[in-house]
Amino acid sequence: MDVQRHPQCIHEKKYQRILCGR
């Protein structure tokens, strides 16, 4: 998890999608 680097955007390679807003 790159939450520490991108707290606003979470990039998960497992789902190959970018989750922003959390």
C-alpha atoms as a PDB file:
ATOM      1  CA  MET A   1       0.000   0.000   0.000  1.00  0.00           C
ATOM      2  CA  ASP A   2       1.280   3.459  -0.910  1.00  0.00           C
ATOM      3  CA  VAL A   3      -1.011   5.195   1.565  1.00  0.00           C
ATOM      4  CA  GLN A   4       1.932   6.873   3.244  1.00  0.00           C
ATOM      5  CA  ARG A   5       3.116   8.337  -0.090  1.00  0.00           C
ATOM      6  CA  HIS A   6      -0.328   9.001  -1.515  1.00  0.00           C
ATOM      7  CA  PRO A   7      -2.850   9.430   1.326  1.00  0.00           C
ATOM      8  CA  GLN A   8      -5.425  10.916  -1.064  1.00  0.00           C
ATOM      9  CA  CYS A   9      -4.914   8.414  -3.848  1.00  0.00           C
ATOM     10  CA  ILE A  10      -4.518   4.685  -3.306  1.00  0.00           C
ATOM     11  CA  HIS A  11      -3.035   2.754  -6.240  1.00  0.00           C
ATOM     12  CA  GLU A  12      -3.650  -0.994  -6.088  1.00  0.00           C
ATOM     13  CA  LYS A  13      -1.873  -3.119  -8.692  1.00  0.00           C
ATOM     14  CA  LYS A  14      -4.115  -6.050  -7.809  1.00  0.00           C
ATOM     15  CA  TYR A  15      -7.173  -4.331  -9.245  1.00  0.00           C
ATOM     16  CA  GLN A  16      -5.122  -2.187 -11.669  1.00  0.00           C
ATOM     17  CA  ARG A  17      -7.178   0.859 -10.729  1.00  0.00           C
ATOM     18  CA  ILE A  18      -6.594   4.081  -8.821  1.00  0.00           C
ATOM     19  CA  LEU A  19      -8.846   4.761  -5.829  1.00  0.00           C
ATOM     20  CA  CYS A  20      -8.966   8.467  -5.020  1.00  0.00           C
ATOM     21  CA  GLY A  21     -11.041  10.127  -2.342  1.00  0.00           C
ATOM     22  CA  ARG A  22     -10.094   7.924   0.595  1.00  0.00           C
END
